């Protein structure tokens, strides 16, 4: 299993940059601050990279929609409802 928390060195390697560049990115706010001591959350890094790349995570009610609710919504749309 891959670890979710990364050291600064591992986070830099994950982003294919030097540790010095990683530190500059964190200081500039381009990457998240460490969450536990000197460990970075891999998911937070991915979210920041997505944001920098223009990829936005879905938000709103659709995010919490369960499969049945999705089916009901799509069925209503197929039938001409809202």
N, C-alpha and C. Protein backbone atom coordinates (compact mmCIF):
# COMPACT_ATOMS: atom_id res chain seq x y z
N UNK A 1 0.84 -1.17 0.00
CA UNK A 1 0.00 0.00 0.00
C UNK A 1 0.89 1.24 0.00
N UNK A 2 0.52 2.21 -0.81
CA UNK A 2 1.28 3.46 -0.87
C UNK A 2 0.93 4.34 0.33
N UNK A 3 1.93 4.98 0.93
CA UNK A 3 1.63 5.88 2.05
C UNK A 3 0.91 7.13 1.57
N UNK A 4 -0.01 7.62 2.39
CA UNK A 4 -0.72 8.85 2.05
C UNK A 4 0.08 10.09 2.45
N UNK A 5 0.82 9.99 3.55
CA UNK A 5 1.62 11.12 4.01
C UNK A 5 3.04 10.97 3.48
N UNK A 6 3.57 12.07 2.95
CA UNK A 6 4.89 12.05 2.33
C UNK A 6 5.83 13.01 3.04
N UNK A 7 7.09 12.64 3.10
CA UNK A 7 8.12 13.56 3.59
C UNK A 7 8.32 14.64 2.53
N UNK A 8 9.03 15.68 2.89
CA UNK A 8 9.32 16.73 1.91
C UNK A 8 10.06 16.18 0.70
N UNK A 9 11.02 15.32 0.96
CA UNK A 9 11.80 14.72 -0.13
C UNK A 9 10.91 13.86 -1.03
N UNK A 10 10.03 13.07 -0.42
CA UNK A 10 9.12 12.22 -1.20
C UNK A 10 8.09 13.06 -1.95
N UNK A 11 7.60 14.14 -1.33
CA UNK A 11 6.65 15.03 -2.00
C UNK A 11 7.30 15.70 -3.20
N UNK A 12 8.54 16.13 -3.03
CA UNK A 12 9.28 16.74 -4.15
C UNK A 12 9.44 15.73 -5.28
N UNK A 13 9.83 14.51 -4.94
CA UNK A 13 9.99 13.47 -5.95
C UNK A 13 8.66 13.17 -6.63
N UNK A 14 7.57 13.14 -5.86
CA UNK A 14 6.23 12.90 -6.40
C UNK A 14 5.86 13.95 -7.45
N UNK A 15 6.31 15.19 -7.23
CA UNK A 15 6.04 16.29 -8.17
C UNK A 15 7.16 16.47 -9.19
N UNK A 16 8.15 15.61 -9.15
CA UNK A 16 9.29 15.65 -10.08
C UNK A 16 10.05 16.96 -10.02
N UNK A 17 10.27 17.46 -8.80
CA UNK A 17 11.06 18.68 -8.61
C UNK A 17 12.09 18.41 -7.51
N UNK A 18 13.04 19.32 -7.39
CA UNK A 18 14.04 19.20 -6.33
C UNK A 18 13.41 19.59 -4.99
N UNK A 19 14.06 19.19 -3.91
CA UNK A 19 13.57 19.55 -2.58
C UNK A 19 13.58 21.06 -2.40
N UNK A 20 14.57 21.74 -2.98
CA UNK A 20 14.64 23.19 -2.91
C UNK A 20 13.43 23.82 -3.60
N UNK A 21 13.09 23.34 -4.78
CA UNK A 21 11.93 23.86 -5.51
C UNK A 21 10.65 23.57 -4.73
N UNK A 22 10.54 22.35 -4.18
CA UNK A 22 9.37 22.00 -3.37
C UNK A 22 9.20 22.98 -2.22
N UNK A 23 10.29 23.28 -1.52
CA UNK A 23 10.24 24.21 -0.39
C UNK A 23 9.78 25.59 -0.84
N UNK A 24 10.26 26.04 -1.99
CA UNK A 24 9.83 27.34 -2.53
C UNK A 24 8.34 27.32 -2.86
N UNK A 25 7.86 26.24 -3.44
CA UNK A 25 6.43 26.12 -3.77
C UNK A 25 5.57 26.19 -2.51
N UNK A 26 6.00 25.50 -1.46
CA UNK A 26 5.24 25.50 -0.20
C UNK A 26 5.24 26.90 0.40
N UNK A 27 6.40 27.55 0.42
CA UNK A 27 6.52 28.91 0.96
C UNK A 27 5.65 29.89 0.18
N UNK A 28 5.58 29.71 -1.15
CA UNK A 28 4.79 30.60 -2.01
C UNK A 28 3.29 30.28 -1.96
N UNK A 29 2.92 29.19 -1.29
CA UNK A 29 1.51 28.82 -1.23
C UNK A 29 1.02 28.03 -2.43
N UNK A 30 1.95 27.63 -3.30
CA UNK A 30 1.56 26.83 -4.47
C UNK A 30 1.25 25.39 -4.09
N UNK A 31 1.81 24.95 -2.99
CA UNK A 31 1.58 23.60 -2.46
C UNK A 31 1.13 23.74 -1.02
N UNK A 32 0.40 22.73 -0.51
CA UNK A 32 -0.12 22.83 0.87
C UNK A 32 0.99 22.78 1.91
N UNK A 33 0.65 23.26 3.09
CA UNK A 33 1.57 23.16 4.22
C UNK A 33 1.53 21.73 4.74
N UNK A 34 2.57 21.32 5.46
CA UNK A 34 2.54 19.97 6.04
C UNK A 34 1.39 19.84 7.04
N UNK A 35 0.85 18.63 7.12
CA UNK A 35 -0.28 18.42 8.03
C UNK A 35 0.14 17.85 9.37
N UNK A 36 1.11 16.99 9.39
CA UNK A 36 1.57 16.38 10.63
C UNK A 36 3.09 16.51 10.67
N UNK A 37 3.57 17.37 11.54
CA UNK A 37 5.02 17.57 11.61
C UNK A 37 5.56 18.06 10.28
N UNK A 38 6.33 17.21 9.64
CA UNK A 38 6.90 17.56 8.35
C UNK A 38 6.44 16.57 7.28
N UNK A 39 5.15 16.23 7.32
CA UNK A 39 4.55 15.30 6.36
C UNK A 39 3.45 16.01 5.58
N UNK A 40 3.40 15.70 4.29
CA UNK A 40 2.39 16.30 3.41
C UNK A 40 1.38 15.25 2.99
N UNK A 41 0.12 15.67 2.93
CA UNK A 41 -0.96 14.80 2.50
C UNK A 41 -0.95 14.71 0.97
N UNK A 42 -0.81 13.51 0.46
CA UNK A 42 -0.73 13.29 -0.98
C UNK A 42 -1.99 13.80 -1.70
N UNK A 43 -3.15 13.62 -1.08
CA UNK A 43 -4.40 14.09 -1.70
C UNK A 43 -4.44 15.61 -1.78
N UNK A 44 -3.92 16.28 -0.74
CA UNK A 44 -3.88 17.75 -0.76
C UNK A 44 -2.94 18.23 -1.86
N UNK A 45 -1.84 17.51 -2.05
CA UNK A 45 -0.91 17.85 -3.14
C UNK A 45 -1.62 17.69 -4.48
N UNK A 46 -2.33 16.57 -4.65
CA UNK A 46 -3.06 16.33 -5.90
C UNK A 46 -4.09 17.42 -6.15
N UNK A 47 -4.80 17.85 -5.11
CA UNK A 47 -5.80 18.91 -5.26
C UNK A 47 -5.15 20.22 -5.69
N UNK A 48 -4.01 20.54 -5.10
CA UNK A 48 -3.31 21.78 -5.49
C UNK A 48 -2.82 21.69 -6.93
N UNK A 49 -2.31 20.52 -7.32
CA UNK A 49 -1.86 20.34 -8.70
C UNK A 49 -3.04 20.46 -9.66
N UNK A 50 -4.19 19.88 -9.30
CA UNK A 50 -5.39 19.99 -10.13
C UNK A 50 -5.79 21.45 -10.28
N UNK A 51 -5.77 22.19 -9.18
CA UNK A 51 -6.14 23.61 -9.21
C UNK A 51 -5.18 24.40 -10.10
N UNK A 52 -3.88 24.14 -9.96
CA UNK A 52 -2.89 24.84 -10.77
C UNK A 52 -3.03 24.49 -12.25
N UNK A 53 -3.50 23.27 -12.52
CA UNK A 53 -3.66 22.81 -13.91
C UNK A 53 -4.99 23.23 -14.51
N UNK A 54 -5.85 23.85 -13.70
CA UNK A 54 -7.16 24.26 -14.19
C UNK A 54 -8.21 23.17 -14.07
N UNK A 55 -7.88 22.09 -13.39
CA UNK A 55 -8.84 21.00 -13.18
C UNK A 55 -9.52 21.26 -11.85
N UNK A 56 -10.80 21.45 -11.87
CA UNK A 56 -11.54 21.70 -10.64
C UNK A 56 -12.31 20.46 -10.24
N UNK A 57 -12.30 20.16 -8.97
CA UNK A 57 -13.07 19.03 -8.46
C UNK A 57 -14.55 19.38 -8.49
N UNK A 58 -15.41 18.41 -8.75
CA UNK A 58 -16.84 18.70 -8.74
C UNK A 58 -17.28 19.14 -7.35
N UNK A 59 -18.25 20.03 -7.31
CA UNK A 59 -18.75 20.49 -6.02
C UNK A 59 -20.26 20.52 -6.05
N UNK A 60 -20.85 20.65 -4.91
CA UNK A 60 -22.29 20.74 -4.83
C UNK A 60 -22.95 19.40 -4.58
N UNK A 61 -24.27 19.37 -4.71
CA UNK A 61 -25.04 18.19 -4.36
C UNK A 61 -24.69 16.95 -5.18
N UNK A 62 -24.30 17.10 -6.44
CA UNK A 62 -23.99 15.94 -7.28
C UNK A 62 -22.87 15.12 -6.67
N UNK A 63 -22.02 15.76 -5.90
CA UNK A 63 -20.91 15.09 -5.26
C UNK A 63 -21.38 14.05 -4.24
N UNK A 64 -22.49 14.34 -3.57
CA UNK A 64 -23.01 13.47 -2.52
C UNK A 64 -24.13 12.57 -3.02
N UNK A 65 -24.44 12.64 -4.28
CA UNK A 65 -25.55 11.90 -4.85
C UNK A 65 -25.26 10.40 -4.85
N UNK A 66 -26.16 9.62 -4.27
CA UNK A 66 -25.97 8.18 -4.28
C UNK A 66 -26.49 7.61 -5.60
N UNK A 67 -26.16 6.37 -5.93
CA UNK A 67 -26.56 5.80 -7.22
C UNK A 67 -28.06 5.83 -7.47
N UNK A 68 -28.88 5.61 -6.43
CA UNK A 68 -30.33 5.65 -6.62
C UNK A 68 -30.80 7.05 -6.96
N UNK A 69 -30.30 8.06 -6.24
CA UNK A 69 -30.67 9.44 -6.54
C UNK A 69 -30.26 9.83 -7.95
N UNK A 70 -29.09 9.38 -8.37
CA UNK A 70 -28.62 9.66 -9.72
C UNK A 70 -29.57 9.03 -10.74
N UNK A 71 -29.95 7.78 -10.50
CA UNK A 71 -30.87 7.11 -11.41
C UNK A 71 -32.20 7.85 -11.47
N UNK A 72 -32.73 8.26 -10.31
CA UNK A 72 -34.00 8.99 -10.26
C UNK A 72 -33.91 10.29 -11.04
N UNK A 73 -32.83 11.03 -10.85
CA UNK A 73 -32.66 12.31 -11.56
C UNK A 73 -32.58 12.07 -13.06
N UNK A 74 -31.78 11.09 -13.48
CA UNK A 74 -31.63 10.81 -14.91
C UNK A 74 -32.93 10.28 -15.50
N UNK A 75 -33.67 9.47 -14.75
CA UNK A 75 -34.95 8.95 -15.23
C UNK A 75 -35.94 10.09 -15.42
N UNK A 76 -35.97 11.03 -14.48
CA UNK A 76 -36.87 12.18 -14.60
C UNK A 76 -36.52 13.02 -15.82
N UNK A 77 -35.23 13.16 -16.10
CA UNK A 77 -34.81 13.93 -17.27
C UNK A 77 -35.22 13.21 -18.56
N UNK A 78 -35.09 11.88 -18.57
CA UNK A 78 -35.49 11.11 -19.75
C UNK A 78 -36.99 11.25 -20.00
N UNK A 79 -37.76 11.36 -18.96
CA UNK A 79 -39.22 11.46 -19.07
C UNK A 79 -39.67 12.91 -19.31
N UNK A 80 -38.72 13.82 -19.39
CA UNK A 80 -39.05 15.21 -19.66
C UNK A 80 -39.31 16.03 -18.42
N UNK A 81 -39.00 15.50 -17.28
CA UNK A 81 -39.19 16.23 -16.03
C UNK A 81 -37.96 17.04 -15.69
N UNK A 82 -37.96 17.60 -14.50
CA UNK A 82 -36.81 18.38 -14.04
C UNK A 82 -36.17 17.75 -12.84
